[in-house]
């Protein structure tokens, strides 16, 4: 991957599901920066130490399954529903905004046009 970046075939190097030790080991031998690290990240499953490590090392953390992954959907969580009601937005919007406010990029996908519209209308409110 580093050679591909050097010759301009790729613009960024990303990793997925490394733990902090794996990232440290990789950074020790890397000749190109690691730009992105994708992990499961949502209100139920998130690793604060990983977020801190990535921020300290200039690596963008990106969430896969930001609406819930290995432990199921977070869309029925009462606290998230309460926040959504308070802001007049959907539970999905609160969940995505929670990640974005913490500096975590999100990957979403839907075939539903209404869901897609909601997924991009995340900046008209702020969580506290």
Foldseek 3Di string as FASTA:
>chain_A
DLVCCVVPVDVAAEEEDDDPVRVVVCVVPDPDAHAEYEYADWPVDDDVVVLVSCVVRNHAYEHDPLQDDPVDGCQPPPVLCVVCVVVVAGSVLSGQLVQVVSRYHYDDDDPDPVVVVSNPPNPPDHDD
